[in-house]
Amino acid sequence: MKNLIYPCLTIRGKIGEASDFYIQTFGDGKISQTSPIVIQIELSGQKFMLLNDGPTSSPNPSISFMVLCESAQEAEKYWNKLVEGGSVLMPLDSYDWSPKYGWVQDKYGVSWQIYTGDKPDSQQQKFSPTLMFTGGEAGKAESAVHYYTDLFPQSNVEGILKYSKEDEDNEEFVKHAQFKIKDYVLMAMDSSADHGFGFTDAISLVVECENQEEIDKYWDELTGNGGQEIACGWLVDKYGVSWQIIPKDIVKLVTDPVRGQKAMGALMKMKKLIIADLENA
């Protein structure tokens, strides 16, 4: 799949090691781009960016990755590798919603929800970022789902399930939601428990844009109404989720043998990225 939205994981000083680990853990993977600062990998055809520098925060379970498994054996295979040096958030076991499910934080701090369900078809997305709204953001999952699906094209809400009385959480809160933006599946949930963490810039969502008009649209909307500009195409939206809004040809621009260094110098001085200024640097 050619996903134009994909996650960026900050794993300082260990991106080479981590990229090999994820490819070995999940199989069906490859390194598609590499540099001392960024490595881009593909897992089951989906892009993941691993960042060696930038944010000083570390990943936490406020953004995890739901992993769709075809069988209990597949789930156990991933689990046994991810749990080495990591920590168990929910044991791998049989639950009402899945015959084999577990939630684990790996040795790099990245969290994975291993889920076994119906046999996926060839078009189903294997890895789905899952946003957990906690602390001051608890109760905002439904609002965020509608906000994101209204903003991005090729979007829709696929389902929103609220907590029941038996769940011992606020019945107005979202237990599980699934939605698409730019044909990319994400999930969301609320939790009123005191987790002690929330969204940080250690995991961000990258949006590759066709042109300046598209960059302007997403940037202006996501930084408005309580969002914040950061630097180099990074922003934080009103819910605290970090995004990188970039031109789809950014790698070509900054690695050009003649103008790449100047383009990178120009990029480092920007907040919102301006394609013309990068091209003319």
C-alpha atoms as a PDB file:
ATOM      1  CA  MET A   1       0.000   0.000   0.000  1.00  0.00           C
ATOM      2  CA  LYS A   2       1.137   3.553  -0.691  1.00  0.00           C
ATOM      3  CA  ASN A   3       0.204   5.278   2.536  1.00  0.00           C
ATOM      4  CA  LEU A   4       0.744   9.052   2.424  1.00  0.00           C
ATOM      5  CA  ILE A   5       0.281   9.174   6.205  1.00  0.00           C
ATOM      6  CA  TYR A   6       2.622   7.133   8.395  1.00  0.00           C
ATOM      7  CA  PRO A   7       4.168   7.201  11.866  1.00  0.00           C
ATOM      8  CA  CYS A   8       7.538   8.620  12.872  1.00  0.00           C
ATOM      9  CA  LEU A   9       9.177   6.966  15.899  1.00  0.00           C
ATOM     10  CA  THR A  10      11.923   8.782  17.783  1.00  0.00           C
ATOM     11  CA  ILE A  11      14.454   6.173  18.905  1.00  0.00           C
ATOM     12  CA  ARG A  12      17.535   8.198  19.681  1.00  0.00           C
ATOM     13  CA  GLY A  13      20.867   6.567  18.898  1.00  0.00           C
ATOM     14  CA  LYS A  14      19.369   3.190  18.001  1.00  0.00           C
ATOM     15  CA  ILE A  15      17.490   3.551  14.718  1.00  0.00           C
ATOM     16  CA  GLY A  16      19.697   1.079  12.861  1.00  0.00           C
ATOM     17  CA  GLU A  17      19.295  -1.522  15.565  1.00  0.00           C
ATOM     18  CA  ALA A  18      15.564  -0.843  15.892  1.00  0.00           C
ATOM     19  CA  SER A  19      14.874  -1.007  12.149  1.00  0.00           C
ATOM     20  CA  ASP A  20      16.544  -4.434  11.978  1.00  0.00           C
ATOM     21  CA  PHE A  21      14.609  -5.551  15.059  1.00  0.00           C
ATOM     22  CA  TYR A  22      11.205  -4.611  13.607  1.00  0.00           C
ATOM     23  CA  ILE A  23      11.941  -6.201  10.238  1.00  0.00           C
ATOM     24  CA  GLN A  24      13.069  -9.416  11.950  1.00  0.00           C
ATOM     25  CA  THR A  25      10.101  -9.365  14.347  1.00  0.00           C
ATOM     26  CA  PHE A  26       7.334  -8.847  11.820  1.00  0.00           C
ATOM     27  CA  GLY A  27       8.937 -10.213   8.640  1.00  0.00           C
ATOM     28  CA  ASP A  28       7.795  -9.010   5.223  1.00  0.00           C
ATOM     29  CA  GLY A  29       9.850  -5.852   5.709  1.00  0.00           C
ATOM     30  CA  LYS A  30      12.681  -3.863   4.207  1.00  0.00           C
ATOM     31  CA  ILE A  31      14.692  -0.666   4.615  1.00  0.00           C
ATOM     32  CA  SER A  32      13.552   1.755   1.912  1.00  0.00           C
ATOM     33  CA  GLN A  33      15.657   4.837   2.798  1.00  0.00           C
ATOM     34  CA  THR A  34      18.548   5.360   5.138  1.00  0.00           C
ATOM     35  CA  SER A  35      20.678   8.203   6.511  1.00  0.00           C
ATOM     36  CA  PRO A  36      22.401   8.921   9.837  1.00  0.00           C
ATOM     37  CA  ILE A  37      19.332  10.868  11.000  1.00  0.00           C
ATOM     38  CA  VAL A  38      16.401   8.988   9.444  1.00  0.00           C
ATOM     39  CA  ILE A  39      15.715   5.420   8.409  1.00  0.00           C
ATOM     40  CA  GLN A  40      12.484   4.602   6.618  1.00  0.00           C
ATOM     41  CA  ILE A  41      11.305   1.010   6.701  1.00  0.00           C
ATOM     42  CA  GLU A  42       8.349  -0.829   5.242  1.00  0.00           C
ATOM     43  CA  LEU A  43       6.482  -3.502   7.186  1.00  0.00           C
ATOM     44  CA  SER A  44       3.860  -5.415   5.181  1.00  0.00           C
ATOM     45  CA  GLY A  45       4.066  -2.594   2.648  1.00  0.00           C
ATOM     46  CA  GLN A  46       3.444   0.180   5.211  1.00  0.00           C
ATOM     47  CA  LYS A  47       5.890   3.029   5.826  1.00  0.00           C
ATOM     48  CA  PHE A  48       7.428   3.716   9.225  1.00  0.00           C
ATOM     49  CA  MET A  49       9.978   6.480   9.815  1.00  0.00           C
ATOM     50  CA  LEU A  50      12.594   6.048  12.550  1.00  0.00           C
ATOM     51  CA  LEU A  51      14.202   9.270  13.742  1.00  0.00           C
ATOM     52  CA  ASN A  52      17.609   9.447  15.400  1.00  0.00           C
ATOM     53  CA  ASP A  53      17.471  13.090  16.504  1.00  0.00           C
ATOM     54  CA  GLY A  54      14.964  15.821  17.278  1.00  0.00           C
ATOM     55  CA  PRO A  55      12.419  15.309  20.092  1.00  0.00           C
ATOM     56  CA  THR A  56      13.904  14.606  23.509  1.00  0.00           C
ATOM     57  CA  SER A  57      10.773  12.810  24.725  1.00  0.00           C
ATOM     58  CA  SER A  58      10.435   9.035  24.610  1.00  0.00           C
ATOM     59  CA  PRO A  59       7.597   6.942  23.151  1.00  0.00           C
ATOM     60  CA  ASN A  60       4.798   5.940  25.503  1.00  0.00           C
ATOM     61  CA  PRO A  61       1.535   3.966  25.140  1.00  0.00           C
ATOM     62  CA  SER A  62      -0.614   7.040  24.353  1.00  0.00           C
ATOM     63  CA  ILE A  63       0.086   6.081  20.742  1.00  0.00           C
ATOM     64  CA  SER A  64       0.374   2.343  20.175  1.00  0.00           C
ATOM     65  CA  PHE A  65       0.099   0.154  17.093  1.00  0.00           C
ATOM     66  CA  MET A  66      -2.669  -2.385  16.650  1.00  0.00           C
ATOM     67  CA  VAL A  67      -1.220  -5.404  14.832  1.00  0.00           C
ATOM     68  CA  LEU A  68      -3.762  -7.548  12.976  1.00  0.00           C
ATOM     69  CA  CYS A  69      -2.877 -11.242  13.199  1.00  0.00           C
ATOM     70  CA  GLU A  70      -4.416 -14.128  11.306  1.00  0.00           C
ATOM     71  CA  SER A  71      -3.805 -16.800  13.923  1.00  0.00           C
ATOM     72  CA  ALA A  72      -2.816 -17.379  17.539  1.00  0.00           C
ATOM     73  CA  GLN A  73       0.516 -18.747  16.303  1.00  0.00           C
ATOM     74  CA  GLU A  74       1.253 -15.509  14.457  1.00  0.00           C
ATOM     75  CA  ALA A  75       0.322 -13.449  17.510  1.00  0.00           C
ATOM     76  CA  GLU A  76       2.584 -15.537  19.752  1.00  0.00           C
ATOM     77  CA  LYS A  77       5.481 -15.198  17.293  1.00  0.00           C
ATOM     78  CA  TYR A  78       5.359 -11.388  17.401  1.00  0.00           C
ATOM     79  CA  TRP A  79       4.718 -11.302  21.141  1.00  0.00           C
ATOM     80  CA  ASN A  80       7.689 -13.486  22.038  1.00  0.00           C
ATOM     81  CA  LYS A  81      10.050 -11.144  20.215  1.00  0.00           C
ATOM     82  CA  LEU A  82       8.505  -7.845  21.335  1.00  0.00           C
ATOM     83  CA  VAL A  83       8.436  -8.818  25.013  1.00  0.00           C
ATOM     84  CA  GLU A  84      12.214  -9.439  25.145  1.00  0.00           C
ATOM     85  CA  GLY A  85      13.605  -6.493  27.096  1.00  0.00           C
ATOM     86  CA  GLY A  86      10.159  -4.880  27.055  1.00  0.00           C
ATOM     87  CA  SER A  87       7.242  -4.770  29.488  1.00  0.00           C
ATOM     88  CA  VAL A  88       3.769  -6.310  29.456  1.00  0.00           C
ATOM     89  CA  LEU A  89       0.855  -3.849  29.631  1.00  0.00           C
ATOM     90  CA  MET A  90      -1.848  -6.504  29.142  1.00  0.00           C
ATOM     91  CA  PRO A  91      -0.917 -10.209  29.104  1.00  0.00           C
ATOM     92  CA  LEU A  92      -1.228 -12.211  25.908  1.00  0.00           C
ATOM     93  CA  ASP A  93      -4.427 -14.135  26.565  1.00  0.00           C
ATOM     94  CA  SER A  94      -7.963 -14.820  25.406  1.00  0.00           C
ATOM     95  CA  TYR A  95     -10.356 -11.872  25.816  1.00  0.00           C
ATOM     96  CA  ASP A  96     -13.962 -11.137  24.886  1.00  0.00           C
ATOM     97  CA  TRP A  97     -12.830  -9.133  21.867  1.00  0.00           C
ATOM     98  CA  SER A  98     -10.087 -11.473  20.631  1.00  0.00           C
ATOM     99  CA  PRO A  99      -9.071 -15.124  21.140  1.00  0.00           C
ATOM    100  CA  LYS A 100      -5.431 -14.023  21.389  1.00  0.00           C
ATOM    101  CA  TYR A 101      -4.619 -10.441  22.392  1.00  0.00           C
ATOM    102  CA  GLY A 102      -1.874  -8.684  24.337  1.00  0.00           C
ATOM    103  CA  TRP A 103      -0.423  -5.197  24.789  1.00  0.00           C
ATOM    104  CA  VAL A 104       3.352  -4.877  25.080  1.00  0.00           C
ATOM    105  CA  GLN A 105       5.845  -2.017  25.237  1.00  0.00           C
ATOM    106  CA  ASP A 106       9.041  -3.070  23.495  1.00  0.00           C
ATOM    107  CA  LYS A 107      12.628  -2.352  24.537  1.00  0.00           C
ATOM    108  CA  TYR A 108      12.601   0.924  22.573  1.00  0.00           C
ATOM    109  CA  GLY A 109       9.469   2.170  24.360  1.00  0.00           C
ATOM    110  CA  VAL A 110       7.126   1.612  21.389  1.00  0.00           C
ATOM    111  CA  SER A 111       3.809  -0.060  22.250  1.00  0.00           C
ATOM    112  CA  TRP A 112       2.058  -2.760  20.239  1.00  0.00           C
ATOM    113  CA  GLN A 113      -1.404  -4.267  20.633  1.00  0.00           C
ATOM    114  CA  ILE A 114      -1.294  -7.779  19.216  1.00  0.00           C
ATOM    115  CA  TYR A 115      -4.803  -8.631  18.030  1.00  0.00           C
ATOM    116  CA  THR A 116      -6.050 -11.871  16.498  1.00  0.00           C
ATOM    117  CA  GLY A 117      -9.271 -11.655  14.539  1.00  0.00           C
ATOM    118  CA  ASP A 118     -10.897 -12.813  11.332  1.00  0.00           C
ATOM    119  CA  LYS A 119      -8.550 -13.705   8.520  1.00  0.00           C
ATOM    120  CA  PRO A 120      -7.515 -10.384   6.938  1.00  0.00           C
ATOM    121  CA  ASP A 121      -7.916  -9.879   3.227  1.00  0.00           C
ATOM    122  CA  SER A 122      -5.030  -8.735   1.045  1.00  0.00           C
ATOM    123  CA  GLN A 123      -6.129  -5.093   1.219  1.00  0.00           C
ATOM    124  CA  GLN A 124      -6.397  -4.828   4.993  1.00  0.00           C
ATOM    125  CA  GLN A 125      -3.936  -2.666   6.872  1.00  0.00           C
ATOM    126  CA  LYS A 126      -1.808  -4.728   9.246  1.00  0.00           C
ATOM    127  CA  PHE A 127      -0.560  -1.916  11.514  1.00  0.00           C
ATOM    128  CA  SER A 128      -2.906   0.832  12.758  1.00  0.00           C
ATOM    129  CA  PRO A 129      -1.835   3.703  15.038  1.00  0.00           C
ATOM    130  CA  THR A 130      -4.116   3.824  18.075  1.00  0.00           C
ATOM    131  CA  LEU A 131      -4.536   7.124  19.931  1.00  0.00           C
ATOM    132  CA  MET A 132      -5.380   6.899  23.640  1.00  0.00           C
ATOM    133  CA  PHE A 133      -6.853  10.080  25.091  1.00  0.00           C
ATOM    134  CA  THR A 134      -5.973  10.251  28.788  1.00  0.00           C
ATOM    135  CA  GLY A 135      -5.522  12.826  31.542  1.00  0.00           C
ATOM    136  CA  GLY A 136      -6.790  16.224  30.414  1.00  0.00           C
ATOM    137  CA  GLU A 137      -7.556  14.806  26.967  1.00  0.00           C
ATOM    138  CA  ALA A 138      -9.779  11.960  28.235  1.00  0.00           C
ATOM    139  CA  GLY A 139     -13.217  12.177  26.671  1.00  0.00           C
ATOM    140  CA  LYS A 140     -11.998  13.874  23.490  1.00  0.00           C
ATOM    141  CA  ALA A 141     -11.545  10.798  21.282  1.00  0.00           C
ATOM    142  CA  GLU A 142     -14.904  11.122  19.516  1.00  0.00           C
ATOM    143  CA  SER A 143     -14.368  14.821  18.864  1.00  0.00           C
ATOM    144  CA  ALA A 144     -10.889  14.111  17.474  1.00  0.00           C
ATOM    145  CA  VAL A 145     -12.132  11.333  15.186  1.00  0.00           C
ATOM    146  CA  HIS A 146     -14.698  13.637  13.599  1.00  0.00           C
ATOM    147  CA  TYR A 147     -12.199  16.514  13.434  1.00  0.00           C
ATOM    148  CA  TYR A 148      -9.604  14.459  11.554  1.00  0.00           C
ATOM    149  CA  THR A 149     -12.107  12.837   9.185  1.00  0.00           C
ATOM    150  CA  ASP A 150     -13.598  16.252   8.339  1.00  0.00           C
ATOM    151  CA  LEU A 151     -10.142  17.690   7.612  1.00  0.00           C
ATOM    152  CA  PHE A 152      -8.583  15.003   5.439  1.00  0.00           C
ATOM    153  CA  PRO A 153      -9.933  13.595   2.153  1.00  0.00           C
ATOM    154  CA  GLN A 154     -10.661   9.887   1.568  1.00  0.00           C
ATOM    155  CA  SER A 155     -11.835   9.739   5.175  1.00  0.00           C
ATOM    156  CA  ASN A 156     -14.679   8.117   7.061  1.00  0.00           C
ATOM    157  CA  VAL A 157     -15.671   6.947  10.535  1.00  0.00           C
ATOM    158  CA  GLU A 158     -15.875   3.156  10.466  1.00  0.00           C
ATOM    159  CA  GLY A 159     -17.266   2.719  13.961  1.00  0.00           C
ATOM    160  CA  ILE A 160     -17.410   4.184  17.478  1.00  0.00           C
ATOM    161  CA  LEU A 161     -18.082   1.973  20.493  1.00  0.00           C
ATOM    162  CA  LYS A 162     -18.751   3.558  23.911  1.00  0.00           C
ATOM    163  CA  TYR A 163     -18.000   2.020  27.302  1.00  0.00           C
ATOM    164  CA  SER A 164     -20.779   0.030  28.994  1.00  0.00           C
ATOM    165  CA  LYS A 165     -21.636  -0.064  32.693  1.00  0.00           C
ATOM    166  CA  GLU A 166     -19.596  -3.254  33.046  1.00  0.00           C
ATOM    167  CA  ASP A 167     -16.426  -1.559  31.759  1.00  0.00           C
ATOM    168  CA  GLU A 168     -16.040   0.670  34.838  1.00  0.00           C
ATOM    169  CA  ASP A 169     -15.287   3.798  32.848  1.00  0.00           C
ATOM    170  CA  ASN A 170     -17.284   6.833  31.771  1.00  0.00           C
ATOM    171  CA  GLU A 171     -20.125   5.622  29.564  1.00  0.00           C
ATOM    172  CA  GLU A 172     -19.810   8.783  27.435  1.00  0.00           C
ATOM    173  CA  PHE A 173     -16.208   7.886  26.617  1.00  0.00           C
ATOM    174  CA  VAL A 174     -15.005   5.922  23.595  1.00  0.00           C
ATOM    175  CA  LYS A 175     -13.932   2.358  24.263  1.00  0.00           C
ATOM    176  CA  HIS A 176     -12.830   1.828  20.668  1.00  0.00           C
ATOM    177  CA  ALA A 177     -13.144   3.815  17.441  1.00  0.00           C
ATOM    178  CA  GLN A 178     -11.851   3.063  13.968  1.00  0.00           C
ATOM    179  CA  PHE A 179     -11.557   5.642  11.220  1.00  0.00           C
ATOM    180  CA  LYS A 180      -9.723   6.425   7.985  1.00  0.00           C
ATOM    181  CA  ILE A 181      -7.922   9.580   6.881  1.00  0.00           C
ATOM    182  CA  LYS A 182      -6.464   9.668   3.371  1.00  0.00           C
ATOM    183  CA  ASP A 183      -7.421   5.981   3.198  1.00  0.00           C
ATOM    184  CA  TYR A 184      -5.171   5.189   6.200  1.00  0.00           C
ATOM    185  CA  VAL A 185      -6.708   3.353   9.147  1.00  0.00           C
ATOM    186  CA  LEU A 186      -6.294   4.719  12.665  1.00  0.00           C
ATOM    187  CA  MET A 187      -7.981   3.838  15.934  1.00  0.00           C
ATOM    188  CA  ALA A 188      -8.808   5.846  19.045  1.00  0.00           C
ATOM    189  CA  MET A 189      -9.961   5.338  22.615  1.00  0.00           C
ATOM    190  CA  ASP A 190     -10.511   7.244  25.856  1.00  0.00           C
ATOM    191  CA  SER A 191      -9.270   6.178  29.267  1.00  0.00           C
ATOM    192  CA  SER A 192     -10.072   7.951  32.542  1.00  0.00           C
ATOM    193  CA  ALA A 193      -7.458   5.904  34.435  1.00  0.00           C
ATOM    194  CA  ASP A 194      -4.443   7.735  35.834  1.00  0.00           C
ATOM    195  CA  HIS A 195      -1.797   6.516  33.390  1.00  0.00           C
ATOM    196  CA  GLY A 196       0.754   9.237  34.067  1.00  0.00           C
ATOM    197  CA  PHE A 197       1.452   9.845  30.385  1.00  0.00           C
ATOM    198  CA  GLY A 198      -0.073  11.616  27.413  1.00  0.00           C
ATOM    199  CA  PHE A 199       0.713  12.486  23.814  1.00  0.00           C
ATOM    200  CA  THR A 200       4.285  13.626  23.115  1.00  0.00           C
ATOM    201  CA  ASP A 201       6.323  14.393  19.999  1.00  0.00           C
ATOM    202  CA  ALA A 202       8.255  11.115  20.337  1.00  0.00           C
ATOM    203  CA  ILE A 203       5.654   9.576  18.033  1.00  0.00           C
ATOM    204  CA  SER A 204       4.239  11.808  15.321  1.00  0.00           C
ATOM    205  CA  LEU A 205       2.121  11.307  12.225  1.00  0.00           C
ATOM    206  CA  VAL A 206       3.750  12.289   8.931  1.00  0.00           C
ATOM    207  CA  VAL A 207       1.565  13.616   6.103  1.00  0.00           C
ATOM    208  CA  GLU A 208       3.092  13.713   2.622  1.00  0.00           C
ATOM    209  CA  CYS A 209       1.519  16.517   0.561  1.00  0.00           C
ATOM    210  CA  GLU A 210       1.254  16.929  -3.215  1.00  0.00           C
ATOM    211  CA  ASN A 211       1.654  20.719  -3.272  1.00  0.00           C
ATOM    212  CA  GLN A 212       1.881  23.916  -1.227  1.00  0.00           C
ATOM    213  CA  GLU A 213      -1.886  24.343  -1.196  1.00  0.00           C
ATOM    214  CA  GLU A 214      -2.258  21.030   0.596  1.00  0.00           C
ATOM    215  CA  ILE A 215       0.506  21.876   3.093  1.00  0.00           C
ATOM    216  CA  ASP A 216      -1.141  25.235   3.830  1.00  0.00           C
ATOM    217  CA  LYS A 217      -4.563  23.651   4.373  1.00  0.00           C
ATOM    218  CA  TYR A 218      -3.418  21.053   6.914  1.00  0.00           C
ATOM    219  CA  TRP A 219      -0.934  23.362   8.623  1.00  0.00           C
ATOM    220  CA  ASP A 220      -3.369  26.227   9.085  1.00  0.00           C
ATOM    221  CA  GLU A 221      -6.164  23.996  10.378  1.00  0.00           C
ATOM    222  CA  LEU A 222      -4.060  21.833  12.707  1.00  0.00           C
ATOM    223  CA  THR A 223      -2.205  24.790  14.247  1.00  0.00           C
ATOM    224  CA  GLY A 224      -5.450  26.762  14.658  1.00  0.00           C
ATOM    225  CA  ASN A 225      -7.908  26.541  17.540  1.00  0.00           C
ATOM    226  CA  GLY A 226      -5.312  25.665  20.155  1.00  0.00           C
ATOM    227  CA  GLY A 227      -2.662  23.956  18.036  1.00  0.00           C
ATOM    228  CA  GLN A 228       0.957  25.078  17.958  1.00  0.00           C
ATOM    229  CA  GLU A 229       3.658  25.518  15.327  1.00  0.00           C
ATOM    230  CA  ILE A 230       6.933  23.844  16.277  1.00  0.00           C
ATOM    231  CA  ALA A 231       9.695  23.758  13.619  1.00  0.00           C
ATOM    232  CA  CYS A 232      10.797  22.078  10.386  1.00  0.00           C
ATOM    233  CA  GLY A 233       7.274  21.051   9.379  1.00  0.00           C
ATOM    234  CA  TRP A 234       6.343  19.833  12.874  1.00  0.00           C
ATOM    235  CA  LEU A 235       3.231  20.951  14.750  1.00  0.00           C
ATOM    236  CA  VAL A 236       1.089  19.911  17.688  1.00  0.00           C
ATOM    237  CA  ASP A 237      -2.692  19.950  17.220  1.00  0.00           C
ATOM    238  CA  LYS A 238      -5.310  21.015  19.763  1.00  0.00           C
ATOM    239  CA  TYR A 239      -5.471  17.487  21.213  1.00  0.00           C
ATOM    240  CA  GLY A 240      -1.708  17.298  21.773  1.00  0.00           C
ATOM    241  CA  VAL A 241      -0.994  14.958  18.841  1.00  0.00           C
ATOM    242  CA  SER A 242       2.179  15.757  16.881  1.00  0.00           C
ATOM    243  CA  TRP A 243       2.205  15.920  13.076  1.00  0.00           C
ATOM    244  CA  GLN A 244       4.798  16.475  10.379  1.00  0.00           C
ATOM    245  CA  ILE A 245       3.346  18.184   7.297  1.00  0.00           C
ATOM    246  CA  ILE A 246       5.855  17.714   4.480  1.00  0.00           C
ATOM    247  CA  PRO A 247       6.081  17.764   0.665  1.00  0.00           C
ATOM    248  CA  LYS A 248       6.089  14.252  -0.794  1.00  0.00           C
ATOM    249  CA  ASP A 249       9.420  14.964  -2.565  1.00  0.00           C
ATOM    250  CA  ILE A 250      11.226  16.222   0.535  1.00  0.00           C
ATOM    251  CA  VAL A 251      13.801  13.414   0.493  1.00  0.00           C
ATOM    252  CA  LYS A 252      14.688  14.224  -3.109  1.00  0.00           C
ATOM    253  CA  LEU A 253      15.020  17.924  -2.244  1.00  0.00           C
ATOM    254  CA  VAL A 254      17.325  17.519   0.758  1.00  0.00           C
ATOM    255  CA  THR A 255      19.491  14.758  -0.738  1.00  0.00           C
ATOM    256  CA  ASP A 256      20.088  16.416  -4.102  1.00  0.00           C
ATOM    257  CA  PRO A 257      23.882  16.277  -4.627  1.00  0.00           C
ATOM    258  CA  VAL A 258      24.024  19.900  -5.778  1.00  0.00           C
ATOM    259  CA  ARG A 259      21.387  21.755  -3.775  1.00  0.00           C
ATOM    260  CA  GLY A 260      20.540  19.342  -0.971  1.00  0.00           C
ATOM    261  CA  GLN A 261      22.693  20.986   1.695  1.00  0.00           C
ATOM    262  CA  LYS A 262      21.222  24.417   0.988  1.00  0.00           C
ATOM    263  CA  ALA A 263      17.706  22.995   0.956  1.00  0.00           C
ATOM    264  CA  MET A 264      18.315  21.377   4.338  1.00  0.00           C
ATOM    265  CA  GLY A 265      19.691  24.661   5.682  1.00  0.00           C
ATOM    266  CA  ALA A 266      16.555  26.466   4.504  1.00  0.00           C
ATOM    267  CA  LEU A 267      14.316  23.778   5.998  1.00  0.00           C
ATOM    268  CA  MET A 268      15.943  24.105   9.416  1.00  0.00           C
ATOM    269  CA  LYS A 269      14.932  27.789   9.545  1.00  0.00           C
ATOM    270  CA  MET A 270      11.266  27.160   8.693  1.00  0.00           C
ATOM    271  CA  LYS A 271       8.225  26.283  10.730  1.00  0.00           C
ATOM    272  CA  LYS A 272       5.686  25.608   7.967  1.00  0.00           C
ATOM    273  CA  LEU A 273       7.568  24.219   4.965  1.00  0.00           C
ATOM    274  CA  ILE A 274       7.516  26.312   1.792  1.00  0.00           C
ATOM    275  CA  ILE A 275       8.233  24.156  -1.249  1.00  0.00           C
ATOM    276  CA  ALA A 276       9.348  27.027  -3.517  1.00  0.00           C
ATOM    277  CA  ASP A 277      11.889  28.236  -0.941  1.00  0.00           C
ATOM    278  CA  LEU A 278      13.287  24.712  -0.556  1.00  0.00           C
ATOM    279  CA  GLU A 279      13.574  24.311  -4.345  1.00  0.00           C
ATOM    280  CA  ASN A 280      15.246  27.712  -4.759  1.00  0.00           C
ATOM    281  CA  ALA A 281      17.639  27.522  -1.812  1.00  0.00           C
END
